[in-house]
Amino acid sequence: MDALTDDTIGCFVVTTESASRYWLDLDQRLLRRVTSPILQSRLRLRRDGEDIDLVEVVDCRVGHPLILLINLNLPGVWLTKRESINIVRIDPVPKTLVRL
């Protein structure tokens, strides 16, 4: 698969050049980011490994950075932009595998 849009349904794993994986449940509007074990100490982001409210998929195309709007549920902060390095693959996954 080459791209996802905000109105896509289903569950997907988006893998970046750094081997970080973004698990997207577009039915329930959830995101979970898992950093590559090799880079985990250097590339850790707030709430990695936890379910995060996904507000909007802005851009999700192979060869481009992943750009998402998320809600980290921080007081006074409604939206956060999360951007990755270039995407190398987008894979559909069964819903049962989205929860790590």
PDB file of N, CA and C in Angstrom:
ATOM      1  N   MET A   1       0.848  -1.169   0.000  1.00  0.00           N
ATOM      2  CA  MET A   1       0.000   0.000   0.000  1.00  0.00           C
ATOM      3  C   MET A   1       0.896   1.234   0.000  1.00  0.00           C
ATOM      4  N   ASP A   2       0.510   2.241  -0.758  1.00  0.00           N
ATOM      5  CA  ASP A   2       1.351   3.428  -0.918  1.00  0.00           C
ATOM      6  C   ASP A   2       0.943   4.633  -0.090  1.00  0.00           C
ATOM      7  N   ALA A   3      -0.333   4.685   0.355  1.00  0.00           N
ATOM      8  CA  ALA A   3      -0.795   5.885   1.069  1.00  0.00           C
ATOM      9  C   ALA A   3      -2.042   5.574   1.891  1.00  0.00           C
ATOM     10  N   LEU A   4      -2.238   6.403   2.921  1.00  0.00           N
ATOM     11  CA  LEU A   4      -3.466   6.402   3.719  1.00  0.00           C
ATOM     12  C   LEU A   4      -3.995   7.824   3.738  1.00  0.00           C
ATOM     13  N   THR A   5      -5.303   7.962   3.777  1.00  0.00           N
ATOM     14  CA  THR A   5      -5.915   9.273   3.949  1.00  0.00           C
ATOM     15  C   THR A   5      -6.694   9.274   5.255  1.00  0.00           C
ATOM     16  N   ASP A   6      -7.118  10.443   5.677  1.00  0.00           N
ATOM     17  CA  ASP A   6      -7.817  10.560   6.952  1.00  0.00           C
ATOM     18  C   ASP A   6      -9.142   9.799   6.971  1.00  0.00           C
ATOM     19  N   ASP A   7      -9.740   9.576   5.817  1.00  0.00           N
ATOM     20  CA  ASP A   7     -11.023   8.860   5.783  1.00  0.00           C
ATOM     21  C   ASP A   7     -10.879   7.357   5.517  1.00  0.00           C
ATOM     22  N   THR A   8      -9.645   6.852   5.496  1.00  0.00           N
ATOM     23  CA  THR A   8      -9.414   5.414   5.360  1.00  0.00           C
ATOM     24  C   THR A   8      -9.917   4.710   6.614  1.00  0.00           C
ATOM     25  N   ILE A   9     -10.411   3.493   6.453  1.00  0.00           N
ATOM     26  CA  ILE A   9     -10.817   2.700   7.616  1.00  0.00           C
ATOM     27  C   ILE A   9      -9.904   1.489   7.735  1.00  0.00           C
ATOM     28  N   GLY A  10      -9.813   0.954   8.954  1.00  0.00           N
ATOM     29  CA  GLY A  10      -8.987  -0.218   9.190  1.00  0.00           C
ATOM     30  C   GLY A  10      -7.806   0.090  10.083  1.00  0.00           C
ATOM     31  N   CYS A  11      -6.926  -0.903  10.191  1.00  0.00           N
ATOM     32  CA  CYS A  11      -5.749  -0.801  11.044  1.00  0.00           C
ATOM     33  C   CYS A  11      -4.497  -1.016  10.191  1.00  0.00           C
ATOM     34  N   PHE A  12      -3.449  -0.256  10.501  1.00  0.00           N
ATOM     35  CA  PHE A  12      -2.253  -0.255   9.673  1.00  0.00           C
ATOM     36  C   PHE A  12      -1.012  -0.070  10.535  1.00  0.00           C
ATOM     37  N   VAL A  13       0.118  -0.565  10.023  1.00  0.00           N
ATOM     38  CA  VAL A  13       1.419  -0.278  10.611  1.00  0.00           C
ATOM     39  C   VAL A  13       2.201   0.506   9.567  1.00  0.00           C
ATOM     40  N   VAL A  14       2.643   1.693   9.975  1.00  0.00           N
ATOM     41  CA  VAL A  14       3.441   2.557   9.109  1.00  0.00           C
ATOM     42  C   VAL A  14       4.867   2.501   9.649  1.00  0.00           C
ATOM     43  N   THR A  15       5.812   2.082   8.796  1.00  0.00           N
ATOM     44  CA  THR A  15       7.210   1.941   9.201  1.00  0.00           C
ATOM     45  C   THR A  15       8.044   3.033   8.535  1.00  0.00           C
ATOM     46  N   THR A  16       8.916   3.664   9.329  1.00  0.00           N
ATOM     47  CA  THR A  16       9.747   4.759   8.812  1.00  0.00           C
ATOM     48  C   THR A  16      11.174   4.274   8.546  1.00  0.00           C
ATOM     49  N   GLU A  17      11.976   5.152   7.941  1.00  0.00           N
ATOM     50  CA  GLU A  17      13.375   4.824   7.639  1.00  0.00           C
ATOM     51  C   GLU A  17      14.184   4.480   8.889  1.00  0.00           C
ATOM     52  N   SER A  18      13.786   4.995  10.040  1.00  0.00           N
ATOM     53  CA  SER A  18      14.498   4.695  11.289  1.00  0.00           C
ATOM     54  C   SER A  18      14.016   3.398  11.936  1.00  0.00           C
ATOM     55  N   ALA A  19      13.084   2.706  11.276  1.00  0.00           N
ATOM     56  CA  ALA A  19      12.482   1.458  11.763  1.00  0.00           C
ATOM     57  C   ALA A  19      11.496   1.687  12.903  1.00  0.00           C
ATOM     58  N   SER A  20      11.111   2.937  13.149  1.00  0.00           N
ATOM     59  CA  SER A  20      10.019   3.192  14.090  1.00  0.00           C
ATOM     60  C   SER A  20       8.724   2.746  13.422  1.00  0.00           C
ATOM     61  N   ARG A  21       7.803   2.259  14.236  1.00  0.00           N
ATOM     62  CA  ARG A  21       6.517   1.802  13.703  1.00  0.00           C
ATOM     63  C   ARG A  21       5.391   2.601  14.356  1.00  0.00           C
ATOM     64  N   TYR A  22       4.486   3.032  13.517  1.00  0.00           N
ATOM     65  CA  TYR A  22       3.295   3.744  13.962  1.00  0.00           C
ATOM     66  C   TYR A  22       2.101   2.839  13.702  1.00  0.00           C
ATOM     67  N   TRP A  23       1.470   2.364  14.768  1.00  0.00           N
ATOM     68  CA  TRP A  23       0.283   1.518  14.662  1.00  0.00           C
ATOM     69  C   TRP A  23      -0.924   2.446  14.646  1.00  0.00           C
ATOM     70  N   LEU A  24      -1.662   2.455  13.546  1.00  0.00           N
ATOM     71  CA  LEU A  24      -2.811   3.340  13.382  1.00  0.00           C
ATOM     72  C   LEU A  24      -4.090   2.524  13.351  1.00  0.00           C
ATOM     73  N   ASP A  25      -4.989   2.792  14.274  1.00  0.00           N
ATOM     74  CA  ASP A  25      -6.337   2.225  14.244  1.00  0.00           C
ATOM     75  C   ASP A  25      -7.250   3.361  13.793  1.00  0.00           C
ATOM     76  N   LEU A  26      -7.554   3.371  12.504  1.00  0.00           N
ATOM     77  CA  LEU A  26      -8.329   4.479  11.951  1.00  0.00           C
ATOM     78  C   LEU A  26      -9.821   4.335  12.219  1.00  0.00           C
ATOM     79  N   ASP A  27     -10.266   3.170  12.682  1.00  0.00           N
ATOM     80  CA  ASP A  27     -11.656   2.995  13.081  1.00  0.00           C
ATOM     81  C   ASP A  27     -11.903   3.646  14.438  1.00  0.00           C
ATOM     82  N   GLN A  28     -10.986   3.419  15.375  1.00  0.00           N
ATOM     83  CA  GLN A  28     -11.136   3.972  16.723  1.00  0.00           C
ATOM     84  C   GLN A  28     -10.344   5.259  16.923  1.00  0.00           C
ATOM     85  N   ARG A  29      -9.624   5.682  15.873  1.00  0.00           N
ATOM     86  CA  ARG A  29      -8.862   6.933  15.885  1.00  0.00           C
ATOM     87  C   ARG A  29      -7.800   6.914  16.991  1.00  0.00           C
ATOM     88  N   LEU A  30      -6.970   5.861  16.972  1.00  0.00           N
ATOM     89  CA  LEU A  30      -5.891   5.713  17.939  1.00  0.00           C
ATOM     90  C   LEU A  30      -4.564   5.521  17.224  1.00  0.00           C
ATOM     91  N   LEU A  31      -3.501   5.958  17.887  1.00  0.00           N
ATOM     92  CA  LEU A  31      -2.133   5.827  17.400  1.00  0.00           C
ATOM     93  C   LEU A  31      -1.285   5.251  18.516  1.00  0.00           C
ATOM     94  N   ARG A  32      -0.346   4.391  18.144  1.00  0.00           N
ATOM     95  CA  ARG A  32       0.673   3.927  19.086  1.00  0.00           C
ATOM     96  C   ARG A  32       2.000   3.899  18.338  1.00  0.00           C
ATOM     97  N   ARG A  33       3.009   4.574  18.870  1.00  0.00           N
ATOM     98  CA  ARG A  33       4.335   4.615  18.239  1.00  0.00           C
ATOM     99  C   ARG A  33       5.279   3.711  18.998  1.00  0.00           C
ATOM    100  N   VAL A  34       6.017   2.899  18.260  1.00  0.00           N
ATOM    101  CA  VAL A  34       7.022   2.016  18.844  1.00  0.00           C
ATOM    102  C   VAL A  34       8.348   2.330  18.150  1.00  0.00           C
ATOM    103  N   THR A  35       9.312   2.787  18.924  1.00  0.00           N
ATOM    104  CA  THR A  35      10.611   3.164  18.382  1.00  0.00           C
ATOM    105  C   THR A  35      11.462   1.927  18.139  1.00  0.00           C
ATOM    106  N   SER A  36      12.315   2.004  17.149  1.00  0.00           N
ATOM    107  CA  SER A  36      13.291   0.955  16.894  1.00  0.00           C
ATOM    108  C   SER A  36      14.103   0.707  18.159  1.00  0.00           C
ATOM    109  N   PRO A  37      14.309  -0.560  18.547  1.00  0.00           N
ATOM    110  CA  PRO A  37      15.086  -0.835  19.770  1.00  0.00           C
ATOM    111  C   PRO A  37      16.489  -0.223  19.734  1.00  0.00           C
ATOM    112  N   ILE A  38      17.082  -0.137  18.575  1.00  0.00           N
ATOM    113  CA  ILE A  38      18.430   0.416  18.443  1.00  0.00           C
ATOM    114  C   ILE A  38      18.446   1.907  18.750  1.00  0.00           C
ATOM    115  N   LEU A  39      17.380   2.616  18.365  1.00  0.00           N
ATOM    116  CA  LEU A  39      17.330   4.067  18.526  1.00  0.00           C
ATOM    117  C   LEU A  39      16.460   4.526  19.691  1.00  0.00           C
ATOM    118  N   GLN A  40      15.971   3.600  20.488  1.00  0.00           N
ATOM    119  CA  GLN A  40      14.991   3.922  21.519  1.00  0.00           C
ATOM    120  C   GLN A  40      15.462   5.001  22.500  1.00  0.00           C
ATOM    121  N   SER A  41      16.707   4.975  22.898  1.00  0.00           N
ATOM    122  CA  SER A  41      17.172   5.960  23.883  1.00  0.00           C
ATOM    123  C   SER A  41      17.330   7.350  23.285  1.00  0.00           C
ATOM    124  N   ARG A  42      17.540   7.455  21.962  1.00  0.00           N
ATOM    125  CA  ARG A  42      17.755   8.760  21.327  1.00  0.00           C
ATOM    126  C   ARG A  42      16.500   9.363  20.719  1.00  0.00           C
ATOM    127  N   LEU A  43      15.537   8.538  20.323  1.00  0.00           N
ATOM    128  CA  LEU A  43      14.382   9.035  19.578  1.00  0.00           C
ATOM    129  C   LEU A  43      13.067   8.870  20.329  1.00  0.00           C
ATOM    130  N   ARG A  44      13.112   8.853  21.621  1.00  0.00           N
ATOM    131  CA  ARG A  44      11.900   8.666  22.415  1.00  0.00           C
ATOM    132  C   ARG A  44      11.035   9.922  22.382  1.00  0.00           C
ATOM    133  N   LEU A  45       9.733   9.724  22.136  1.00  0.00           N
ATOM    134  CA  LEU A  45       8.767  10.818  22.143  1.00  0.00           C
ATOM    135  C   LEU A  45       7.775  10.616  23.278  1.00  0.00           C
ATOM    136  N   ARG A  46       7.141  11.695  23.700  1.00  0.00           N
ATOM    137  CA  ARG A  46       6.150  11.631  24.766  1.00  0.00           C
ATOM    138  C   ARG A  46       5.078  10.600  24.434  1.00  0.00           C
ATOM    139  N   ARG A  47       4.795   9.735  25.375  1.00  0.00           N
ATOM    140  CA  ARG A  47       3.760   8.695  25.320  1.00  0.00           C
ATOM    141  C   ARG A  47       4.043   7.582  24.305  1.00  0.00           C
ATOM    142  N   ASP A  48       5.313   7.386  23.955  1.00  0.00           N
ATOM    143  CA  ASP A  48       5.664   6.243  23.118  1.00  0.00           C
ATOM    144  C   ASP A  48       5.177   4.962  23.789  1.00  0.00           C
ATOM    145  N   GLY A  49       4.660   4.066  22.972  1.00  0.00           N
ATOM    146  CA  GLY A  49       4.188   2.787  23.473  1.00  0.00           C
ATOM    147  C   GLY A  49       2.799   2.827  24.077  1.00  0.00           C
ATOM    148  N   GLU A  50       2.179   4.004  24.132  1.00  0.00           N
ATOM    149  CA  GLU A  50       0.828   4.149  24.685  1.00  0.00           C
ATOM    150  C   GLU A  50      -0.147   4.510  23.575  1.00  0.00           C
ATOM    151  N   ASP A  51      -1.413   4.200  23.792  1.00  0.00           N
ATOM    152  CA  ASP A  51      -2.443   4.646  22.855  1.00  0.00           C
ATOM    153  C   ASP A  51      -2.630   6.151  22.983  1.00  0.00           C
ATOM    154  N   ILE A  52      -2.680   6.825  21.836  1.00  0.00           N
ATOM    155  CA  ILE A  52      -2.844   8.276  21.773  1.00  0.00           C
ATOM    156  C   ILE A  52      -4.040   8.563  20.877  1.00  0.00           C
ATOM    157  N   ASP A  53      -4.820   9.574  21.233  1.00  0.00           N
ATOM    158  CA  ASP A  53      -5.960   9.976  20.406  1.00  0.00           C
ATOM    159  C   ASP A  53      -5.470  10.572  19.091  1.00  0.00           C
ATOM    160  N   LEU A  54      -5.911   9.988  17.992  1.00  0.00           N
ATOM    161  CA  LEU A  54      -5.555  10.463  16.662  1.00  0.00           C
ATOM    162  C   LEU A  54      -6.646  11.407  16.174  1.00  0.00           C
ATOM    163  N   VAL A  55      -6.284  12.643  15.915  1.00  0.00           N
ATOM    164  CA  VAL A  55      -7.247  13.651  15.472  1.00  0.00           C
ATOM    165  C   VAL A  55      -7.338  13.672  13.950  1.00  0.00           C
ATOM    166  N   GLU A  56      -6.178  13.672  13.270  1.00  0.00           N
ATOM    167  CA  GLU A  56      -6.204  13.749  11.807  1.00  0.00           C
ATOM    168  C   GLU A  56      -4.930  13.169  11.202  1.00  0.00           C
ATOM    169  N   VAL A  57      -5.087  12.422  10.117  1.00  0.00           N
ATOM    170  CA  VAL A  57      -3.960  11.986   9.290  1.00  0.00           C
ATOM    171  C   VAL A  57      -3.780  13.083   8.239  1.00  0.00           C
ATOM    172  N   VAL A  58      -2.727  13.879   8.377  1.00  0.00           N
ATOM    173  CA  VAL A  58      -2.482  14.987   7.457  1.00  0.00           C
ATOM    174  C   VAL A  58      -1.790  14.482   6.196  1.00  0.00           C
ATOM    175  N   ASP A  59      -0.746  13.652   6.356  1.00  0.00           N
ATOM    176  CA  ASP A  59      -0.021  13.098   5.217  1.00  0.00           C
ATOM    177  C   ASP A  59       0.558  11.755   5.603  1.00  0.00           C
ATOM    178  N   CYS A  60       0.267  10.738   4.800  1.00  0.00           N
ATOM    179  CA  CYS A  60       0.786   9.397   5.044  1.00  0.00           C
ATOM    180  C   CYS A  60       1.007   8.731   3.687  1.00  0.00           C
ATOM    181  N   ARG A  61       2.225   8.942   3.134  1.00  0.00           N
ATOM    182  CA  ARG A  61       2.580   8.390   1.829  1.00  0.00           C
ATOM    183  C   ARG A  61       3.996   7.835   1.877  1.00  0.00           C
ATOM    184  N   VAL A  62       4.198   6.685   1.273  1.00  0.00           N
ATOM    185  CA  VAL A  62       5.536   6.109   1.189  1.00  0.00           C
ATOM    186  C   VAL A  62       6.456   7.113   0.498  1.00  0.00           C
ATOM    187  N   GLY A  63       7.653   7.308   1.091  1.00  0.00           N
ATOM    188  CA  GLY A  63       8.624   8.253   0.547  1.00  0.00           C
ATOM    189  C   GLY A  63       8.496   9.654   1.100  1.00  0.00           C
ATOM    190  N   HIS A  64       7.509   9.888   1.968  1.00  0.00           N
ATOM    191  CA  HIS A  64       7.269  11.200   2.578  1.00  0.00           C
ATOM    192  C   HIS A  64       7.209  11.043   4.095  1.00  0.00           C
ATOM    193  N   PRO A  65       7.410  12.136   4.823  1.00  0.00           N
ATOM    194  CA  PRO A  65       7.235  12.065   6.275  1.00  0.00           C
ATOM    195  C   PRO A  65       5.769  11.807   6.640  1.00  0.00           C
ATOM    196  N   LEU A  66       5.554  11.079   7.693  1.00  0.00           N
ATOM    197  CA  LEU A  66       4.217  10.901   8.259  1.00  0.00           C
ATOM    198  C   LEU A  66       3.900  12.156   9.064  1.00  0.00           C
ATOM    199  N   ILE A  67       2.749  12.757   8.800  1.00  0.00           N
ATOM    200  CA  ILE A  67       2.328  13.942   9.548  1.00  0.00           C
ATOM    201  C   ILE A  67       0.938  13.679  10.115  1.00  0.00           C
ATOM    202  N   LEU A  68       0.842  13.755  11.441  1.00  0.00           N
ATOM    203  CA  LEU A  68      -0.404  13.492  12.149  1.00  0.00           C
ATOM    204  C   LEU A  68      -0.713  14.635  13.105  1.00  0.00           C
ATOM    205  N   LEU A  69      -1.991  14.843  13.376  1.00  0.00           N
ATOM    206  CA  LEU A  69      -2.424  15.699  14.476  1.00  0.00           C
ATOM    207  C   LEU A  69      -2.947  14.765  15.558  1.00  0.00           C
ATOM    208  N   ILE A  70      -2.430  14.931  16.768  1.00  0.00           N
ATOM    209  CA  ILE A  70      -2.794  14.046  17.875  1.00  0.00           C
ATOM    210  C   ILE A  70      -3.198  14.869  19.090  1.00  0.00           C
ATOM    211  N   ASN A  71      -3.877  14.204  20.019  1.00  0.00           N
ATOM    212  CA  ASN A  71      -4.253  14.820  21.285  1.00  0.00           C
ATOM    213  C   ASN A  71      -3.558  14.037  22.387  1.00  0.00           C
ATOM    214  N   LEU A  72      -2.578  14.652  23.024  1.00  0.00           N
ATOM    215  CA  LEU A  72      -1.833  13.996  24.098  1.00  0.00           C
ATOM    216  C   LEU A  72      -2.513  14.139  25.454  1.00  0.00           C
ATOM    217  N   ASN A  73      -3.683  14.783  25.472  1.00  0.00           N
ATOM    218  CA  ASN A  73      -4.430  15.008  26.712  1.00  0.00           C
ATOM    219  C   ASN A  73      -3.603  15.746  27.758  1.00  0.00           C
ATOM    220  N   LEU A  74      -2.920  16.805  27.291  1.00  0.00           N
ATOM    221  CA  LEU A  74      -2.164  17.675  28.189  1.00  0.00           C
ATOM    222  C   LEU A  74      -3.009  18.903  28.497  1.00  0.00           C
ATOM    223  N   PRO A  75      -3.036  19.353  29.735  1.00  0.00           N
ATOM    224  CA  PRO A  75      -3.816  20.537  30.077  1.00  0.00           C
ATOM    225  C   PRO A  75      -3.401  21.741  29.234  1.00  0.00           C
ATOM    226  N   GLY A  76      -4.381  22.389  28.624  1.00  0.00           N
ATOM    227  CA  GLY A  76      -4.130  23.581  27.842  1.00  0.00           C
ATOM    228  C   GLY A  76      -3.603  23.346  26.431  1.00  0.00           C
ATOM    229  N   VAL A  77      -3.404  22.088  26.054  1.00  0.00           N
ATOM    230  CA  VAL A  77      -2.886  21.760  24.718  1.00  0.00           C
ATOM    231  C   VAL A  77      -3.908  20.877  24.027  1.00  0.00           C
ATOM    232  N   TRP A  78      -4.571  21.407  23.015  1.00  0.00           N
ATOM    233  CA  TRP A  78      -5.618  20.645  22.335  1.00  0.00           C
ATOM    234  C   TRP A  78      -5.045  19.728  21.275  1.00  0.00           C
ATOM    235  N   LEU A  79      -4.093  20.213  20.495  1.00  0.00           N
ATOM    236  CA  LEU A  79      -3.501  19.428  19.413  1.00  0.00           C
ATOM    237  C   LEU A  79      -1.984  19.482  19.463  1.00  0.00           C
ATOM    238  N   THR A  80      -1.378  18.398  19.004  1.00  0.00           N
ATOM    239  CA  THR A  80       0.059  18.338  18.814  1.00  0.00           C
ATOM    240  C   THR A  80       0.307  17.764  17.430  1.00  0.00           C
ATOM    241  N   LYS A  81       1.259  18.349  16.717  1.00  0.00           N
ATOM    242  CA  LYS A  81       1.644  17.813  15.414  1.00  0.00           C
ATOM    243  C   LYS A  81       2.763  16.804  15.636  1.00  0.00           C
ATOM    244  N   ARG A  82       2.584  15.600  15.115  1.00  0.00           N
ATOM    245  CA  ARG A  82       3.630  14.584  15.195  1.00  0.00           C
ATOM    246  C   ARG A  82       4.092  14.302  13.778  1.00  0.00           C
ATOM    247  N   GLU A  83       5.391  14.449  13.552  1.00  0.00           N
ATOM    248  CA  GLU A  83       5.953  14.251  12.219  1.00  0.00           C
ATOM    249  C   GLU A  83       7.124  13.279  12.304  1.00  0.00           C
ATOM    250  N   SER A  84       7.176  12.360  11.355  1.00  0.00           N
ATOM    251  CA  SER A  84       8.253  11.373  11.322  1.00  0.00           C
ATOM    252  C   SER A  84       9.201  11.667  10.168  1.00  0.00           C
ATOM    253  N   ILE A  85      10.245  10.853  10.065  1.00  0.00           N
ATOM    254  CA  ILE A  85      11.059  10.878   8.852  1.00  0.00           C
ATOM    255  C   ILE A  85      10.305  10.067   7.795  1.00  0.00           C
ATOM    256  N   ASN A  86      10.892   9.884   6.642  1.00  0.00           N
ATOM    257  CA  ASN A  86      10.183   9.266   5.517  1.00  0.00           C
ATOM    258  C   ASN A  86       9.667   7.858   5.821  1.00  0.00           C
ATOM    259  N   ILE A  87       8.484   7.603   5.295  1.00  0.00           N
ATOM    260  CA  ILE A  87       7.831   6.296   5.411  1.00  0.00           C
ATOM    261  C   ILE A  87       8.428   5.355   4.373  1.00  0.00           C
ATOM    262  N   VAL A  88       8.711   4.104   4.800  1.00  0.00           N
ATOM    263  CA  VAL A  88       9.211   3.102   3.855  1.00  0.00           C
ATOM    264  C   VAL A  88       8.153   2.069   3.490  1.00  0.00           C
ATOM    265  N   ARG A  89       7.157   1.893   4.373  1.00  0.00           N
ATOM    266  CA  ARG A  89       6.083   0.943   4.053  1.00  0.00           C
ATOM    267  C   ARG A  89       4.849   1.195   4.900  1.00  0.00           C
ATOM    268  N   ILE A  90       3.709   0.807   4.333  1.00  0.00           N
ATOM    269  CA  ILE A  90       2.419   0.877   5.015  1.00  0.00           C
ATOM    270  C   ILE A  90       1.770  -0.485   4.844  1.00  0.00           C
ATOM    271  N   ASP A  91       1.482  -1.148   5.961  1.00  0.00           N
ATOM    272  CA  ASP A  91       0.914  -2.494   5.913  1.00  0.00           C
ATOM    273  C   ASP A  91      -0.411  -2.556   6.645  1.00  0.00           C
ATOM    274  N   PRO A  92      -1.446  -3.110   6.011  1.00  0.00           N
ATOM    275  CA  PRO A  92      -2.689  -3.361   6.745  1.00  0.00           C
ATOM    276  C   PRO A  92      -2.462  -4.503   7.723  1.00  0.00           C
ATOM    277  N   VAL A  93      -3.095  -4.425   8.879  1.00  0.00           N
ATOM    278  CA  VAL A  93      -2.974  -5.500   9.873  1.00  0.00           C
ATOM    279  C   VAL A  93      -4.358  -5.824  10.445  1.00  0.00           C
ATOM    280  N   PRO A  94      -4.555  -7.065  10.879  1.00  0.00           N
ATOM    281  CA  PRO A  94      -5.813  -7.378  11.556  1.00  0.00           C
ATOM    282  C   PRO A  94      -5.931  -6.551  12.834  1.00  0.00           C
ATOM    283  N   LYS A  95      -7.121  -6.121  13.133  1.00  0.00           N
ATOM    284  CA  LYS A  95      -7.389  -5.273  14.297  1.00  0.00           C
ATOM    285  C   LYS A  95      -6.839  -5.889  15.587  1.00  0.00           C
ATOM    286  N   THR A  96      -6.845  -7.195  15.709  1.00  0.00           N
ATOM    287  CA  THR A  96      -6.385  -7.855  16.926  1.00  0.00           C
ATOM    288  C   THR A  96      -4.884  -7.655  17.156  1.00  0.00           C
ATOM    289  N   LEU A  97      -4.123  -7.325  16.123  1.00  0.00           N
ATOM    290  CA  LEU A  97      -2.681  -7.128  16.276  1.00  0.00           C
ATOM    291  C   LEU A  97      -2.294  -5.694  16.587  1.00  0.00           C
ATOM    292  N   VAL A  98      -3.220  -4.757  16.525  1.00  0.00           N
ATOM    293  CA  VAL A  98      -2.887  -3.354  16.758  1.00  0.00           C
ATOM    294  C   VAL A  98      -2.486  -3.139  18.211  1.00  0.00           C
ATOM    295  N   ARG A  99      -3.092  -3.821  19.137  1.00  0.00           N
ATOM    296  CA  ARG A  99      -2.731  -3.707  20.548  1.00  0.00           C
ATOM    297  C   ARG A  99      -1.481  -4.542  20.789  1.00  0.00           C
ATOM    298  N   LEU A 100      -0.372  -3.874  21.151  1.00  0.00           N
ATOM    299  CA  LEU A 100       0.891  -4.583  21.364  1.00  0.00           C
ATOM    300  C   LEU A 100       0.912  -5.276  22.692  1.00  0.00           C
TER     301      LEU A 100
END
